[in-house]
Amino acid sequence: MNLYIIIPLGIFLGFSMAAPPGPINSLMMERSIKSQFDGSKIGLGAMTADFIFMVLIFAFQKTVNFSYFLPIIYLAGALVFVYIAINMKFHSEEPKSNINTFYGYFKGLGTGLVNPYQIIWWLSAGLAIFETFGYTLFYFFFIGILIWIISITTLVHYSYMKYGEVLKRIITDFSSIVLLIFSAIFIYEEFLIFHLFT
């Protein structure tokens, strides 16, 4: 397919994955208040999880029944997001230490790896796109995610510099609520899938 189509389509799909409200964006927004770089590390960690999913699903799609693991994925995601939401609300400041240089990155990676929506996206849309367009489109897919990460963290950080603690409280409360809502959704989905397969 023509690159003039592949490039914007790939970037658009990257936005479709990264932009909708969800756990990763909540974490990025919360961390971007303190530092745009800290918020970006969350996004880069989650993007690494996307790359891992892409490799695993494309490599093992014909030999592994990924749907078998969905109940476990939903339950694990729900529990992790409840923990993060509570920790965000009551312990929003991370300890200052050189050990935590990569804390945000690994937090984003860990959250992405247990995020059912990311997994489901790769099992459905990601797999269909791969079968239709091949690998080329995914170079621009990840560029689209990177553009989103830079955009949202920049917007939140500089908005905080202007609006201060009021914006911080709003973002922290909003992020915690989003995580708890997604946790409830994941538990509900896990319940439905578990009964469907038993």
N, C-alpha and C. Protein backbone atom coordinates (compact mmCIF):
# COMPACT_ATOMS: atom_id res chain seq x y z
N MET A 1 0.85 -1.20 0.00
CA MET A 1 0.00 0.00 0.00
C MET A 1 0.88 1.25 0.00
N ASN A 2 0.39 2.33 -0.58
CA ASN A 2 1.11 3.58 -0.68
C ASN A 2 1.45 4.15 0.69
N LEU A 3 2.69 4.65 0.85
CA LEU A 3 3.12 5.22 2.12
C LEU A 3 2.30 6.44 2.51
N TYR A 4 1.76 7.16 1.51
CA TYR A 4 0.92 8.32 1.82
C TYR A 4 -0.36 7.92 2.55
N ILE A 5 -0.73 6.65 2.44
CA ILE A 5 -1.88 6.13 3.18
C ILE A 5 -1.42 5.46 4.47
N ILE A 6 -0.33 4.69 4.38
CA ILE A 6 0.18 3.94 5.52
C ILE A 6 0.57 4.86 6.68
N ILE A 7 1.26 5.96 6.37
CA ILE A 7 1.78 6.85 7.43
C ILE A 7 0.65 7.48 8.26
N PRO A 8 -0.32 8.20 7.63
CA PRO A 8 -1.39 8.78 8.45
C PRO A 8 -2.27 7.73 9.11
N LEU A 9 -2.49 6.60 8.42
CA LEU A 9 -3.31 5.55 9.01
C LEU A 9 -2.65 4.97 10.25
N GLY A 10 -1.33 4.73 10.16
CA GLY A 10 -0.60 4.19 11.31
C GLY A 10 -0.62 5.14 12.49
N ILE A 11 -0.40 6.44 12.22
CA ILE A 11 -0.42 7.44 13.30
C ILE A 11 -1.81 7.55 13.91
N PHE A 12 -2.84 7.53 13.05
CA PHE A 12 -4.21 7.59 13.55
C PHE A 12 -4.53 6.39 14.45
N LEU A 13 -4.10 5.20 14.05
CA LEU A 13 -4.34 4.01 14.86
C LEU A 13 -3.58 4.09 16.19
N GLY A 14 -2.38 4.68 16.16
CA GLY A 14 -1.64 4.90 17.41
C GLY A 14 -2.42 5.78 18.36
N PHE A 15 -3.03 6.84 17.80
CA PHE A 15 -3.88 7.71 18.62
C PHE A 15 -5.10 6.95 19.13
N SER A 16 -5.68 6.10 18.29
CA SER A 16 -6.88 5.36 18.70
C SER A 16 -6.58 4.43 19.86
N MET A 17 -5.35 3.98 19.95
CA MET A 17 -4.94 3.12 21.05
C MET A 17 -4.63 3.93 22.31
N ALA A 18 -3.93 5.06 22.13
CA ALA A 18 -3.38 5.80 23.26
C ALA A 18 -4.29 6.87 23.84
N ALA A 19 -5.13 7.48 23.01
CA ALA A 19 -5.85 8.68 23.43
C ALA A 19 -7.08 8.45 24.31
N PRO A 20 -7.87 7.39 24.13
CA PRO A 20 -9.09 7.26 24.95
C PRO A 20 -8.77 7.24 26.45
N PRO A 21 -9.65 7.85 27.27
CA PRO A 21 -9.42 7.85 28.72
C PRO A 21 -9.28 6.43 29.24
N GLY A 22 -8.35 6.24 30.14
CA GLY A 22 -8.11 4.92 30.68
C GLY A 22 -7.01 4.95 31.72
N PRO A 23 -6.61 3.80 32.22
CA PRO A 23 -5.63 3.73 33.30
C PRO A 23 -4.29 4.38 32.96
N ILE A 24 -3.77 4.13 31.77
CA ILE A 24 -2.45 4.67 31.42
C ILE A 24 -2.48 6.19 31.34
N ASN A 25 -3.50 6.74 30.68
CA ASN A 25 -3.61 8.20 30.61
C ASN A 25 -3.81 8.81 31.99
N SER A 26 -4.53 8.13 32.86
CA SER A 26 -4.72 8.64 34.23
C SER A 26 -3.38 8.73 34.95
N LEU A 27 -2.58 7.69 34.83
CA LEU A 27 -1.27 7.70 35.48
C LEU A 27 -0.35 8.76 34.86
N MET A 28 -0.37 8.88 33.54
CA MET A 28 0.48 9.88 32.89
C MET A 28 0.11 11.29 33.34
N MET A 29 -1.18 11.56 33.42
CA MET A 29 -1.61 12.89 33.83
C MET A 29 -1.19 13.18 35.26
N GLU A 30 -1.37 12.20 36.13
CA GLU A 30 -1.04 12.39 37.54
C GLU A 30 0.45 12.64 37.73
N ARG A 31 1.29 11.91 37.00
CA ARG A 31 2.73 12.06 37.15
C ARG A 31 3.25 13.31 36.42
N SER A 32 2.54 13.76 35.38
CA SER A 32 2.99 14.93 34.62
C SER A 32 2.85 16.22 35.40
N ILE A 33 2.03 16.22 36.45
CA ILE A 33 1.89 17.40 37.29
C ILE A 33 3.26 17.78 37.86
N LYS A 34 3.96 16.78 38.36
CA LYS A 34 5.27 16.99 38.96
C LYS A 34 6.34 17.22 37.90
N SER A 35 6.31 16.40 36.85
CA SER A 35 7.36 16.46 35.84
C SER A 35 6.85 15.87 34.53
N GLN A 36 7.04 16.60 33.45
CA GLN A 36 6.64 16.09 32.14
C GLN A 36 7.41 14.80 31.82
N PHE A 37 8.67 14.74 32.23
CA PHE A 37 9.49 13.57 31.98
C PHE A 37 8.95 12.35 32.75
N ASP A 38 8.51 12.55 33.99
CA ASP A 38 7.94 11.45 34.78
C ASP A 38 6.67 10.92 34.12
N GLY A 39 5.84 11.81 33.63
CA GLY A 39 4.64 11.38 32.94
C GLY A 39 4.95 10.63 31.67
N SER A 40 5.97 11.11 30.95
CA SER A 40 6.36 10.45 29.70
C SER A 40 6.89 9.04 29.96
N LYS A 41 7.58 8.85 31.08
CA LYS A 41 8.10 7.52 31.39
C LYS A 41 6.98 6.50 31.58
N ILE A 42 5.87 6.94 32.16
CA ILE A 42 4.70 6.06 32.28
C ILE A 42 4.25 5.63 30.88
N GLY A 43 4.11 6.60 29.99
CA GLY A 43 3.67 6.30 28.63
C GLY A 43 4.63 5.41 27.87
N LEU A 44 5.93 5.65 28.03
CA LEU A 44 6.92 4.82 27.34
C LEU A 44 6.91 3.39 27.86
N GLY A 45 6.67 3.23 29.16
CA GLY A 45 6.55 1.89 29.71
C GLY A 45 5.36 1.15 29.14
N ALA A 46 4.22 1.86 29.05
CA ALA A 46 3.02 1.25 28.48
C ALA A 46 3.21 0.94 27.00
N MET A 47 3.95 1.80 26.29
CA MET A 47 4.21 1.57 24.88
C MET A 47 5.09 0.32 24.71
N THR A 48 6.01 0.10 25.64
CA THR A 48 6.82 -1.11 25.61
C THR A 48 5.94 -2.35 25.79
N ALA A 49 4.93 -2.24 26.67
CA ALA A 49 3.98 -3.35 26.84
C ALA A 49 3.25 -3.63 25.52
N ASP A 50 2.89 -2.57 24.80
CA ASP A 50 2.25 -2.76 23.48
C ASP A 50 3.17 -3.51 22.53
N PHE A 51 4.45 -3.15 22.55
CA PHE A 51 5.40 -3.84 21.67
C PHE A 51 5.51 -5.32 22.03
N ILE A 52 5.52 -5.61 23.32
CA ILE A 52 5.59 -7.00 23.78
C ILE A 52 4.35 -7.77 23.33
N PHE A 53 3.17 -7.15 23.50
CA PHE A 53 1.93 -7.81 23.04
C PHE A 53 1.97 -8.06 21.54
N MET A 54 2.46 -7.08 20.80
CA MET A 54 2.52 -7.23 19.35
C MET A 54 3.38 -8.44 18.97
N VAL A 55 4.55 -8.55 19.57
CA VAL A 55 5.45 -9.66 19.26
C VAL A 55 4.82 -10.99 19.64
N LEU A 56 4.25 -11.07 20.85
CA LEU A 56 3.69 -12.34 21.33
C LEU A 56 2.50 -12.79 20.49
N ILE A 57 1.58 -11.86 20.23
CA ILE A 57 0.36 -12.22 19.51
C ILE A 57 0.64 -12.57 18.06
N PHE A 58 1.51 -11.79 17.42
CA PHE A 58 1.83 -12.10 16.03
C PHE A 58 2.61 -13.40 15.91
N ALA A 59 3.45 -13.70 16.92
CA ALA A 59 4.29 -14.90 16.86
C ALA A 59 3.52 -16.17 17.21
N PHE A 60 2.57 -16.07 18.16
CA PHE A 60 1.93 -17.28 18.68
C PHE A 60 0.43 -17.36 18.41
N GLN A 61 -0.08 -16.49 17.54
CA GLN A 61 -1.52 -16.46 17.30
C GLN A 61 -2.08 -17.80 16.83
N LYS A 62 -1.28 -18.57 16.10
CA LYS A 62 -1.79 -19.82 15.53
C LYS A 62 -1.61 -21.01 16.46
N THR A 63 -0.86 -20.84 17.54
CA THR A 63 -0.57 -21.98 18.42
C THR A 63 -1.12 -21.83 19.84
N VAL A 64 -1.48 -20.60 20.24
CA VAL A 64 -1.95 -20.36 21.60
C VAL A 64 -3.35 -19.77 21.58
N ASN A 65 -4.24 -20.31 22.40
CA ASN A 65 -5.59 -19.77 22.54
C ASN A 65 -5.58 -18.71 23.64
N PHE A 66 -5.37 -17.45 23.25
CA PHE A 66 -5.24 -16.38 24.23
C PHE A 66 -6.52 -16.15 25.02
N SER A 67 -7.66 -16.50 24.45
CA SER A 67 -8.94 -16.27 25.15
C SER A 67 -9.02 -17.07 26.46
N TYR A 68 -8.26 -18.15 26.54
CA TYR A 68 -8.24 -18.97 27.76
C TYR A 68 -7.77 -18.17 28.97
N PHE A 69 -6.89 -17.19 28.73
CA PHE A 69 -6.29 -16.43 29.82
C PHE A 69 -7.08 -15.16 30.18
N LEU A 70 -8.15 -14.87 29.45
CA LEU A 70 -8.87 -13.60 29.67
C LEU A 70 -9.41 -13.42 31.09
N PRO A 71 -10.03 -14.44 31.71
CA PRO A 71 -10.52 -14.22 33.08
C PRO A 71 -9.41 -13.81 34.04
N ILE A 72 -8.25 -14.44 33.93
CA ILE A 72 -7.12 -14.12 34.80
C ILE A 72 -6.62 -12.71 34.51
N ILE A 73 -6.57 -12.35 33.23
CA ILE A 73 -6.10 -11.02 32.82
C ILE A 73 -7.00 -9.93 33.39
N TYR A 74 -8.31 -10.12 33.29
CA TYR A 74 -9.25 -9.12 33.80
C TYR A 74 -9.14 -8.98 35.31
N LEU A 75 -9.05 -10.09 36.02
CA LEU A 75 -8.97 -10.04 37.48
C LEU A 75 -7.68 -9.38 37.94
N ALA A 76 -6.57 -9.77 37.32
CA ALA A 76 -5.28 -9.17 37.68
C ALA A 76 -5.28 -7.67 37.41
N GLY A 77 -5.82 -7.27 36.26
CA GLY A 77 -5.89 -5.85 35.93
C GLY A 77 -6.72 -5.08 36.94
N ALA A 78 -7.85 -5.63 37.34
CA ALA A 78 -8.73 -4.96 38.29
C ALA A 78 -8.03 -4.75 39.63
N LEU A 79 -7.36 -5.78 40.13
CA LEU A 79 -6.70 -5.69 41.43
C LEU A 79 -5.54 -4.69 41.41
N VAL A 80 -4.78 -4.71 40.34
CA VAL A 80 -3.66 -3.77 40.22
C VAL A 80 -4.17 -2.33 40.17
N PHE A 81 -5.25 -2.09 39.43
CA PHE A 81 -5.76 -0.73 39.28
C PHE A 81 -6.37 -0.21 40.58
N VAL A 82 -6.98 -1.10 41.37
CA VAL A 82 -7.49 -0.68 42.68
C VAL A 82 -6.33 -0.24 43.56
N TYR A 83 -5.27 -1.03 43.57
CA TYR A 83 -4.08 -0.70 44.36
C TYR A 83 -3.49 0.64 43.93
N ILE A 84 -3.35 0.85 42.63
CA ILE A 84 -2.76 2.09 42.12
C ILE A 84 -3.65 3.29 42.47
N ALA A 85 -4.97 3.13 42.35
CA ALA A 85 -5.90 4.23 42.64
C ALA A 85 -5.80 4.65 44.11
N ILE A 86 -5.75 3.66 45.01
CA ILE A 86 -5.65 3.97 46.45
C ILE A 86 -4.30 4.62 46.75
N ASN A 87 -3.25 4.08 46.17
CA ASN A 87 -1.91 4.62 46.40
C ASN A 87 -1.79 6.04 45.84
N MET A 88 -2.41 6.29 44.69
CA MET A 88 -2.38 7.61 44.07
C MET A 88 -3.10 8.63 44.94
N LYS A 89 -4.20 8.22 45.53
CA LYS A 89 -5.03 9.15 46.31
C LYS A 89 -4.37 9.52 47.64
N PHE A 90 -3.74 8.53 48.28
CA PHE A 90 -3.24 8.76 49.64
C PHE A 90 -1.72 8.86 49.74
N HIS A 91 -1.02 8.43 48.70
CA HIS A 91 0.45 8.49 48.72
C HIS A 91 0.93 8.93 47.34
N SER A 92 0.58 10.14 46.95
CA SER A 92 0.84 10.58 45.58
C SER A 92 2.31 10.87 45.31
N GLU A 93 3.09 11.17 46.34
CA GLU A 93 4.49 11.49 46.12
C GLU A 93 5.35 10.24 46.24
N GLU A 94 6.15 9.98 45.22
CA GLU A 94 7.08 8.86 45.25
C GLU A 94 8.34 9.25 46.02
N PRO A 95 8.97 8.31 46.75
CA PRO A 95 10.20 8.63 47.46
C PRO A 95 11.29 9.08 46.50
N LYS A 96 12.05 10.12 46.91
CA LYS A 96 13.10 10.65 46.06
C LYS A 96 14.37 9.85 46.27
N SER A 97 14.77 9.13 45.25
CA SER A 97 15.96 8.30 45.34
C SER A 97 16.43 7.96 43.95
N ASN A 98 17.74 7.81 43.79
CA ASN A 98 18.27 7.42 42.49
C ASN A 98 17.76 6.07 42.05
N ILE A 99 17.37 5.24 43.04
CA ILE A 99 16.85 3.91 42.72
C ILE A 99 15.57 4.02 41.90
N ASN A 100 14.84 5.13 42.09
CA ASN A 100 13.54 5.28 41.44
C ASN A 100 13.61 6.01 40.10
N THR A 101 14.81 6.11 39.53
CA THR A 101 14.97 6.79 38.24
C THR A 101 14.05 6.18 37.18
N PHE A 102 13.92 4.85 37.20
CA PHE A 102 13.11 4.17 36.20
C PHE A 102 11.76 3.72 36.77
N TYR A 103 11.40 4.26 37.93
CA TYR A 103 10.15 3.85 38.58
C TYR A 103 8.95 4.05 37.67
N GLY A 104 8.85 5.25 37.08
CA GLY A 104 7.71 5.55 36.23
C GLY A 104 7.64 4.64 35.02
N TYR A 105 8.80 4.37 34.44
CA TYR A 105 8.83 3.49 33.26
C TYR A 105 8.31 2.10 33.60
N PHE A 106 8.81 1.53 34.69
CA PHE A 106 8.40 0.18 35.05
C PHE A 106 6.97 0.14 35.58
N LYS A 107 6.52 1.25 36.16
CA LYS A 107 5.11 1.33 36.56
C LYS A 107 4.21 1.32 35.33
N GLY A 108 4.60 2.08 34.31
CA GLY A 108 3.84 2.09 33.06
C GLY A 108 3.89 0.74 32.37
N LEU A 109 5.05 0.11 32.37
CA LEU A 109 5.19 -1.22 31.77
C LEU A 109 4.33 -2.24 32.49
N GLY A 110 4.42 -2.26 33.83
CA GLY A 110 3.64 -3.22 34.60
C GLY A 110 2.14 -3.01 34.44
N THR A 111 1.73 -1.74 34.45
CA THR A 111 0.31 -1.44 34.28
C THR A 111 -0.16 -1.85 32.89
N GLY A 112 0.66 -1.57 31.88
CA GLY A 112 0.30 -1.96 30.52
C GLY A 112 0.18 -3.46 30.36
N LEU A 113 1.06 -4.22 31.01
CA LEU A 113 1.06 -5.68 30.87
C LEU A 113 -0.16 -6.33 31.50
N VAL A 114 -0.80 -5.64 32.47
CA VAL A 114 -2.00 -6.20 33.10
C VAL A 114 -3.26 -5.44 32.69
N ASN A 115 -3.14 -4.57 31.69
CA ASN A 115 -4.29 -3.78 31.23
C ASN A 115 -5.09 -4.59 30.20
N PRO A 116 -6.24 -5.11 30.59
CA PRO A 116 -7.02 -5.94 29.65
C PRO A 116 -7.36 -5.24 28.35
N TYR A 117 -7.60 -3.92 28.38
CA TYR A 117 -7.97 -3.22 27.15
C TYR A 117 -6.84 -3.23 26.13
N GLN A 118 -5.59 -3.10 26.61
CA GLN A 118 -4.47 -3.18 25.68
C GLN A 118 -4.38 -4.58 25.07
N ILE A 119 -4.56 -5.59 25.91
CA ILE A 119 -4.47 -6.97 25.43
C ILE A 119 -5.57 -7.27 24.43
N ILE A 120 -6.79 -6.86 24.77
CA ILE A 120 -7.93 -7.10 23.88
C ILE A 120 -7.74 -6.36 22.55
N TRP A 121 -7.18 -5.14 22.60
CA TRP A 121 -6.94 -4.38 21.37
C TRP A 121 -6.02 -5.16 20.44
N TRP A 122 -4.97 -5.74 20.97
CA TRP A 122 -4.03 -6.48 20.14
C TRP A 122 -4.62 -7.79 19.63
N LEU A 123 -5.48 -8.40 20.44
CA LEU A 123 -6.12 -9.65 20.01
C LEU A 123 -7.16 -9.43 18.92
N SER A 124 -7.70 -8.23 18.86
CA SER A 124 -8.76 -7.95 17.88
C SER A 124 -8.26 -7.01 16.79
N ALA A 125 -8.25 -5.72 17.07
CA ALA A 125 -7.86 -4.73 16.06
C ALA A 125 -6.41 -4.92 15.60
N GLY A 126 -5.49 -5.11 16.56
CA GLY A 126 -4.09 -5.26 16.19
C GLY A 126 -3.84 -6.43 15.27
N LEU A 127 -4.46 -7.56 15.57
CA LEU A 127 -4.29 -8.75 14.75
C LEU A 127 -4.89 -8.56 13.37
N ALA A 128 -6.07 -7.93 13.31
CA ALA A 128 -6.73 -7.67 12.02
C ALA A 128 -5.90 -6.72 11.16
N ILE A 129 -5.33 -5.70 11.78
CA ILE A 129 -4.50 -4.74 11.04
C ILE A 129 -3.25 -5.43 10.49
N PHE A 130 -2.64 -6.29 11.31
CA PHE A 130 -1.45 -7.02 10.88
C PHE A 130 -1.76 -7.90 9.67
N GLU A 131 -2.89 -8.60 9.74
CA GLU A 131 -3.25 -9.50 8.63
C GLU A 131 -3.58 -8.73 7.36
N THR A 132 -4.03 -7.48 7.51
CA THR A 132 -4.40 -6.66 6.35
C THR A 132 -3.21 -5.90 5.76
N PHE A 133 -2.41 -5.29 6.63
CA PHE A 133 -1.36 -4.38 6.16
C PHE A 133 0.06 -4.88 6.40
N GLY A 134 0.24 -5.92 7.21
CA GLY A 134 1.58 -6.38 7.51
C GLY A 134 2.25 -5.53 8.58
N TYR A 135 3.58 -5.62 8.62
CA TYR A 135 4.33 -4.96 9.69
C TYR A 135 4.52 -3.46 9.48
N THR A 136 4.56 -3.01 8.25
CA THR A 136 4.98 -1.64 7.95
C THR A 136 4.18 -0.60 8.71
N LEU A 137 2.88 -0.78 8.77
CA LEU A 137 2.01 0.21 9.40
C LEU A 137 2.36 0.42 10.87
N PHE A 138 2.89 -0.60 11.52
CA PHE A 138 3.12 -0.50 12.96
C PHE A 138 4.31 0.39 13.32
N TYR A 139 5.21 0.67 12.38
CA TYR A 139 6.24 1.68 12.64
C TYR A 139 5.58 3.01 12.95
N PHE A 140 4.59 3.37 12.17
CA PHE A 140 3.91 4.66 12.33
C PHE A 140 2.88 4.61 13.44
N PHE A 141 2.39 3.42 13.75
CA PHE A 141 1.50 3.22 14.90
C PHE A 141 2.20 3.68 16.18
N PHE A 142 3.45 3.24 16.36
CA PHE A 142 4.18 3.61 17.57
C PHE A 142 4.61 5.08 17.55
N ILE A 143 4.82 5.64 16.38
CA ILE A 143 5.08 7.07 16.28
C ILE A 143 3.85 7.85 16.76
N GLY A 144 2.65 7.37 16.39
CA GLY A 144 1.41 8.00 16.84
C GLY A 144 1.28 7.97 18.36
N ILE A 145 1.62 6.84 18.98
CA ILE A 145 1.57 6.74 20.44
C ILE A 145 2.56 7.71 21.07
N LEU A 146 3.76 7.80 20.49
CA LEU A 146 4.78 8.70 21.02
C LEU A 146 4.34 10.15 20.94
N ILE A 147 3.71 10.53 19.83
CA ILE A 147 3.19 11.91 19.69
C ILE A 147 2.16 12.20 20.78
N TRP A 148 1.29 11.22 21.06
CA TRP A 148 0.27 11.40 22.09
C TRP A 148 0.92 11.57 23.47
N ILE A 149 1.92 10.74 23.78
CA ILE A 149 2.59 10.81 25.08
C ILE A 149 3.19 12.20 25.29
N ILE A 150 3.89 12.70 24.31
CA ILE A 150 4.52 14.02 24.41
C ILE A 150 3.47 15.11 24.54
N SER A 151 2.40 15.00 23.78
CA SER A 151 1.35 16.03 23.77
C SER A 151 0.64 16.12 25.11
N ILE A 152 0.17 14.98 25.63
CA ILE A 152 -0.65 15.01 26.86
C ILE A 152 0.18 15.39 28.07
N THR A 153 1.43 14.91 28.15
CA THR A 153 2.26 15.24 29.30
C THR A 153 2.67 16.72 29.28
N THR A 154 2.92 17.26 28.09
CA THR A 154 3.25 18.68 27.97
C THR A 154 2.07 19.55 28.38
N LEU A 155 0.89 19.20 27.89
CA LEU A 155 -0.32 19.97 28.20
C LEU A 155 -0.60 19.98 29.69
N VAL A 156 -0.54 18.81 30.34
CA VAL A 156 -0.84 18.73 31.77
C VAL A 156 0.20 19.47 32.59
N HIS A 157 1.48 19.28 32.27
CA HIS A 157 2.53 19.91 33.07
C HIS A 157 2.46 21.43 33.02
N TYR A 158 2.30 21.98 31.83
CA TYR A 158 2.28 23.44 31.73
C TYR A 158 0.95 24.03 32.18
N SER A 159 -0.11 23.25 32.14
CA SER A 159 -1.38 23.70 32.72
C SER A 159 -1.27 23.78 34.24
N TYR A 160 -0.53 22.83 34.82
CA TYR A 160 -0.33 22.85 36.27
C TYR A 160 0.49 24.07 36.69
N MET A 161 1.48 24.42 35.88
CA MET A 161 2.29 25.60 36.19
C MET A 161 1.42 26.85 36.22
N LYS A 162 0.33 26.84 35.46
CA LYS A 162 -0.55 28.01 35.41
C LYS A 162 -1.63 27.94 36.50
N TYR A 163 -2.22 26.75 36.70
CA TYR A 163 -3.38 26.66 37.60
C TYR A 163 -3.07 26.06 38.97
N GLY A 164 -1.89 25.49 39.15
CA GLY A 164 -1.42 25.08 40.46
C GLY A 164 -2.17 23.94 41.12
N GLU A 165 -2.32 24.04 42.45
CA GLU A 165 -2.83 22.95 43.27
C GLU A 165 -4.27 22.56 42.94
N VAL A 166 -5.06 23.50 42.45
CA VAL A 166 -6.45 23.18 42.09
C VAL A 166 -6.45 22.13 40.99
N LEU A 167 -5.63 22.34 39.96
CA LEU A 167 -5.54 21.37 38.87
C LEU A 167 -4.99 20.04 39.37
N LYS A 168 -4.02 20.09 40.27
CA LYS A 168 -3.44 18.86 40.82
C LYS A 168 -4.50 18.01 41.51
N ARG A 169 -5.33 18.65 42.35
CA ARG A 169 -6.39 17.91 43.05
C ARG A 169 -7.39 17.33 42.06
N ILE A 170 -7.75 18.12 41.05
CA ILE A 170 -8.73 17.65 40.06
C ILE A 170 -8.18 16.43 39.32
N ILE A 171 -6.93 16.51 38.87
CA ILE A 171 -6.34 15.41 38.11
C ILE A 171 -6.17 14.17 38.97
N THR A 172 -5.70 14.35 40.21
CA THR A 172 -5.52 13.20 41.10
C THR A 172 -6.85 12.52 41.39
N ASP A 173 -7.89 13.32 41.70
CA ASP A 173 -9.21 12.74 41.96
C ASP A 173 -9.77 12.06 40.71
N PHE A 174 -9.66 12.75 39.57
CA PHE A 174 -10.16 12.19 38.31
C PHE A 174 -9.45 10.88 37.98
N SER A 175 -8.12 10.86 38.12
CA SER A 175 -7.35 9.67 37.79
C SER A 175 -7.72 8.50 38.70
N SER A 176 -7.89 8.77 39.99
CA SER A 176 -8.27 7.71 40.93
C SER A 176 -9.64 7.14 40.58
N ILE A 177 -10.58 8.03 40.26
CA ILE A 177 -11.94 7.59 39.92
C ILE A 177 -11.93 6.75 38.65
N VAL A 178 -11.17 7.19 37.62
CA VAL A 178 -11.08 6.43 36.37
C VAL A 178 -10.53 5.03 36.62
N LEU A 179 -9.48 4.94 37.43
CA LEU A 179 -8.88 3.64 37.72
C LEU A 179 -9.88 2.72 38.45
N LEU A 180 -10.63 3.27 39.39
CA LEU A 180 -11.62 2.46 40.12
C LEU A 180 -12.76 2.03 39.21
N ILE A 181 -13.18 2.91 38.31
CA ILE A 181 -14.24 2.56 37.35
C ILE A 181 -13.78 1.42 36.45
N PHE A 182 -12.56 1.54 35.94
CA PHE A 182 -12.03 0.48 35.08
C PHE A 182 -11.86 -0.83 35.87
N SER A 183 -11.49 -0.73 37.13
CA SER A 183 -11.39 -1.92 37.96
C SER A 183 -12.73 -2.63 38.06
N ALA A 184 -13.78 -1.85 38.30
CA ALA A 184 -15.13 -2.43 38.39
C ALA A 184 -15.54 -3.07 37.07
N ILE A 185 -15.24 -2.40 35.97
CA ILE A 185 -15.56 -2.95 34.64
C ILE A 185 -14.82 -4.26 34.41
N PHE A 186 -13.53 -4.30 34.79
CA PHE A 186 -12.73 -5.50 34.57
C PHE A 186 -13.23 -6.67 35.40
N ILE A 187 -13.64 -6.39 36.65
CA ILE A 187 -14.19 -7.45 37.50
C ILE A 187 -15.48 -7.99 36.90
N TYR A 188 -16.32 -7.09 36.39
CA TYR A 188 -17.57 -7.50 35.75
C TYR A 188 -17.28 -8.34 34.52
N GLU A 189 -16.33 -7.90 33.69
CA GLU A 189 -15.97 -8.65 32.48
C GLU A 189 -15.39 -10.01 32.84
N GLU A 190 -14.56 -10.04 33.88
CA GLU A 190 -13.97 -11.30 34.33
C GLU A 190 -15.06 -12.27 34.76
N PHE A 191 -16.08 -11.74 35.46
CA PHE A 191 -17.20 -12.58 35.91
C PHE A 191 -17.95 -13.17 34.71
N LEU A 192 -18.20 -12.32 33.70
CA LEU A 192 -18.92 -12.79 32.52
C LEU A 192 -18.12 -13.84 31.75
N ILE A 193 -16.83 -13.56 31.56
CA ILE A 193 -15.98 -14.48 30.78
C ILE A 193 -15.79 -15.80 31.52
N PHE A 194 -15.60 -15.72 32.85
CA PHE A 194 -15.41 -16.93 33.64
C PHE A 194 -16.61 -17.86 33.50
N HIS A 195 -17.82 -17.28 33.56
CA HIS A 195 -19.03 -18.10 33.45
C HIS A 195 -19.27 -18.57 32.02
N LEU A 196 -18.74 -17.82 31.07
CA LEU A 196 -18.88 -18.22 29.67
C LEU A 196 -18.04 -19.44 29.36
N PHE A 197 -16.87 -19.54 30.00
CA PHE A 197 -15.96 -20.63 29.71
C PHE A 197 -16.07 -21.79 30.70
N THR A 198 -17.00 -21.70 31.65
CA THR A 198 -17.15 -22.79 32.62
C THR A 198 -18.55 -23.38 32.52
